[in-house]
Protein backbone atom coordinates (compact mmCIF):
# COMPACT_ATOMS: atom_id res chain seq x y z
CA MET A 1 -15.26 -9.34 -2.99
CA THR A 2 -12.44 -9.49 -0.48
CA ALA A 3 -9.05 -10.78 -1.44
CA THR A 4 -8.56 -13.28 1.36
CA THR A 5 -7.45 -15.80 -1.24
CA ALA A 6 -4.64 -15.54 -3.74
CA GLN A 7 -7.11 -15.21 -6.65
CA PRO A 8 -6.20 -12.08 -8.61
CA VAL A 9 -8.68 -9.28 -9.21
CA GLN A 10 -8.28 -7.21 -12.37
CA LEU A 11 -8.31 -3.45 -11.92
CA PRO A 12 -8.05 -0.77 -14.58
CA THR A 13 -5.84 2.21 -13.84
CA ARG A 14 -6.56 5.77 -14.90
CA SER A 15 -3.89 5.46 -17.61
CA GLY A 16 -5.53 2.40 -19.16
CA LEU A 17 -3.05 -0.10 -17.71
CA VAL A 18 -4.80 -3.14 -16.25
CA ILE A 19 -3.31 -4.61 -13.08
CA ASP A 20 -4.00 -7.92 -11.40
CA VAL A 21 -4.11 -7.63 -7.62
CA ARG A 22 -3.70 -10.61 -5.34
CA THR A 23 -2.75 -11.26 -1.76
CA VAL A 24 0.79 -12.11 -0.84
CA ARG A 25 1.96 -15.72 -0.69
CA PRO A 26 4.69 -17.26 1.47
CA ASP A 27 6.95 -17.74 -1.56
CA ASP A 28 6.84 -14.04 -2.61
CA GLU A 29 9.95 -12.92 -0.71
CA ALA A 30 12.32 -12.90 -3.71
CA LEU A 31 9.66 -11.16 -5.80
CA LEU A 32 9.25 -8.45 -3.14
CA LYS A 33 13.00 -7.97 -2.77
CA ASP A 34 13.32 -7.45 -6.52
CA PHE A 35 10.30 -5.14 -6.53
CA PHE A 36 11.72 -2.89 -3.80
CA ASP A 37 15.02 -2.75 -5.73
CA HIS A 38 12.93 -0.95 -8.39
CA VAL A 39 11.26 1.45 -5.94
CA SER A 40 13.10 4.75 -5.63
CA ASN A 41 15.29 5.26 -2.58
CA GLU A 42 13.04 8.12 -1.53
CA ASP A 43 9.85 6.05 -1.85
CA ARG A 44 11.43 3.15 0.04
CA ARG A 45 12.33 5.64 2.79
CA PHE A 46 8.76 6.98 2.79
CA ARG A 47 7.32 3.44 3.02
CA PHE A 48 9.53 2.10 5.79
CA PHE A 49 10.71 5.35 7.44
CA THR A 50 14.30 4.17 7.06
CA ALA A 51 17.06 4.91 4.54
CA SER A 52 17.93 1.29 3.77
CA PRO A 53 19.04 0.81 0.14
CA GLN A 54 17.08 -2.44 -0.17
CA LEU A 55 14.30 -4.40 1.48
CA GLN A 56 15.57 -5.82 4.74
CA PRO A 57 14.68 -9.37 5.89
CA HIS A 58 12.49 -8.11 8.76
CA GLN A 59 10.63 -5.83 6.34
CA ALA A 60 10.03 -8.70 3.90
CA LYS A 61 8.84 -10.86 6.78
CA ALA A 62 6.31 -8.18 7.83
CA LEU A 63 4.98 -8.03 4.26
CA ILE A 64 4.68 -11.80 3.87
CA GLU A 65 3.77 -13.16 7.29
CA VAL A 66 0.31 -11.66 7.60
CA ASP A 67 -2.73 -13.17 9.27
CA HIS A 68 -5.11 -12.36 6.35
CA GLN A 69 -7.64 -11.12 8.90
CA LYS A 70 -6.35 -7.99 10.61
CA THR A 71 -3.42 -7.59 8.25
CA GLU A 72 -3.27 -8.14 4.51
CA SER A 73 -0.54 -7.56 1.97
CA TYR A 74 -1.50 -7.01 -1.68
CA LEU A 75 0.59 -7.26 -4.83
CA ALA A 76 -0.26 -5.63 -8.17
CA PHE A 77 1.01 -7.13 -11.43
CA THR A 78 0.85 -6.20 -15.11
CA ALA A 79 -0.62 -8.73 -17.55
CA GLU A 80 2.99 -9.71 -18.30
CA GLY A 81 3.54 -10.65 -14.66
CA GLU A 82 5.67 -7.67 -13.64
CA LEU A 83 5.15 -6.68 -10.00
CA VAL A 84 4.39 -2.94 -10.15
CA GLY A 85 2.79 -2.21 -6.77
CA SER A 86 2.63 -3.37 -3.19
CA GLY A 87 0.06 -2.37 -0.61
CA MET A 88 -0.68 -3.25 2.97
CA LEU A 89 -3.76 -2.95 5.14
CA ALA A 90 -3.16 -3.27 8.88
CA CYS A 91 -6.20 -3.15 11.17
CA ASP A 92 -6.39 -2.72 14.91
CA ASP A 93 -7.74 -5.55 17.08
CA THR A 94 -11.33 -4.31 16.77
CA LEU A 95 -11.09 -3.92 12.96
CA GLU A 96 -12.39 -0.36 13.36
CA THR A 97 -9.22 1.56 12.50
CA ALA A 98 -6.69 0.54 9.88
CA GLU A 99 -3.55 1.90 8.28
CA VAL A 100 -2.73 1.66 4.60
CA ALA A 101 0.69 1.85 2.93
CA ILE A 102 1.47 1.61 -0.78
CA SER A 103 4.61 1.49 -2.92
CA VAL A 104 4.90 1.66 -6.72
CA ARG A 105 7.87 0.83 -8.95
CA ALA A 106 9.72 3.99 -9.92
CA ASP A 107 9.25 3.34 -13.64
CA ARG A 108 5.48 2.82 -13.18
CA LYS A 109 4.71 5.98 -11.23
CA GLY A 110 2.17 8.25 -12.88
CA GLN A 111 0.30 5.34 -14.49
CA GLY A 112 -2.46 5.13 -11.89
CA VAL A 113 -1.14 2.05 -10.09
CA GLY A 114 -1.09 3.79 -6.70
CA TRP A 115 -4.57 5.25 -7.24
CA SER A 116 -6.10 1.89 -8.22
CA LEU A 117 -4.35 0.03 -5.42
CA LEU A 118 -5.42 2.60 -2.81
CA ASN A 119 -8.98 2.53 -4.12
CA TYR A 120 -9.02 -1.28 -3.95
CA ILE A 121 -7.54 -1.43 -0.44
CA THR A 122 -10.03 1.21 0.71
CA ALA A 123 -12.87 -1.00 -0.54
CA GLU A 124 -11.29 -4.00 1.21
CA ALA A 125 -11.12 -2.02 4.46
CA LYS A 126 -14.80 -1.11 4.15
CA ALA A 127 -15.69 -4.75 3.46
CA ARG A 128 -13.94 -5.74 6.70
CA GLY A 129 -15.97 -3.21 8.64
CA VAL A 130 -13.19 -0.67 9.12
CA LYS A 131 -14.60 2.72 10.11
CA ARG A 132 -11.42 4.81 9.91
CA LEU A 133 -8.61 4.35 7.36
CA GLN A 134 -5.34 6.15 7.99
CA SER A 135 -2.01 6.73 6.32
CA ILE A 136 1.05 8.19 7.99
CA GLU A 137 3.12 10.13 5.48
CA SER A 138 6.36 12.03 5.61
CA ARG A 139 5.59 15.70 4.99
CA GLU A 140 8.05 15.40 2.09
CA ASN A 141 5.89 12.78 0.35
CA HIS A 142 3.86 15.33 -1.59
CA LEU A 143 2.62 12.88 -4.26
CA ALA A 144 1.13 10.45 -1.74
CA ILE A 145 -0.43 13.27 0.28
CA GLU A 146 -1.95 14.75 -2.87
CA LEU A 147 -3.30 11.35 -3.98
CA GLU A 148 -4.84 10.61 -0.59
CA ARG A 149 -6.43 14.05 -0.39
CA GLU A 150 -7.84 13.55 -3.89
CA MET A 151 -9.42 10.33 -2.61
CA GLY A 152 -11.06 12.10 0.33
CA PHE A 153 -8.47 11.66 3.06
CA VAL A 154 -8.12 14.63 5.41
CA ALA A 155 -4.70 15.63 6.74
CA ARG A 156 -3.92 16.51 10.32
CA GLU A 157 -0.90 17.08 12.50
CA VAL A 158 0.74 14.27 14.43
CA GLU A 159 1.36 15.57 17.92
CA GLY A 160 5.03 15.37 18.83
CA ASP A 161 6.29 14.63 15.30
CA PRO A 162 6.36 17.57 12.90
CA SER A 163 8.03 15.45 10.19
CA VAL A 164 4.88 13.41 9.45
CA VAL A 165 1.23 14.02 8.72
CA LEU A 166 -1.72 11.70 9.39
CA LEU A 167 -4.20 11.37 6.55
CA GLU A 168 -7.54 9.82 7.37
CA THR A 169 -10.86 8.98 5.83
CA VAL A 170 -13.92 7.94 7.81
CA PHE A 171 -16.60 5.62 6.41
């Protein structure tokens, strides 16, 4: 089942927390701004490759104004309605290669939110016909690199940029 509608899908995490994942809606900007205020400065830097202390308007726009075909933005909520994770899938024009990016609230890290969201987005990529799913990570982002490797992604150098690593899985 692909999430091209705003209908939430319930996912269990490895810690037992159940999250509801849905696609972003046009009115989610304030929700996303608040969410990224609860993401650590380091994780926000890893996600956007910038040291901004809060979500910038152009970043919010990129998360919200998606075409729901090549690009999709997902939000993960607790049963109480707390936004705990954000993920994005961005495909190339042929829908053969896609990039994934995920952020989790600082106080929800270690609860399996990132794992469940990455697993879900990976399944969504496969359902769209994506053949190659990639993630570009700062070499300093050890937790994300470890998680992606655990899920079968293989790391390789990025020519010309020793500060990042490309993680990739092929379907």
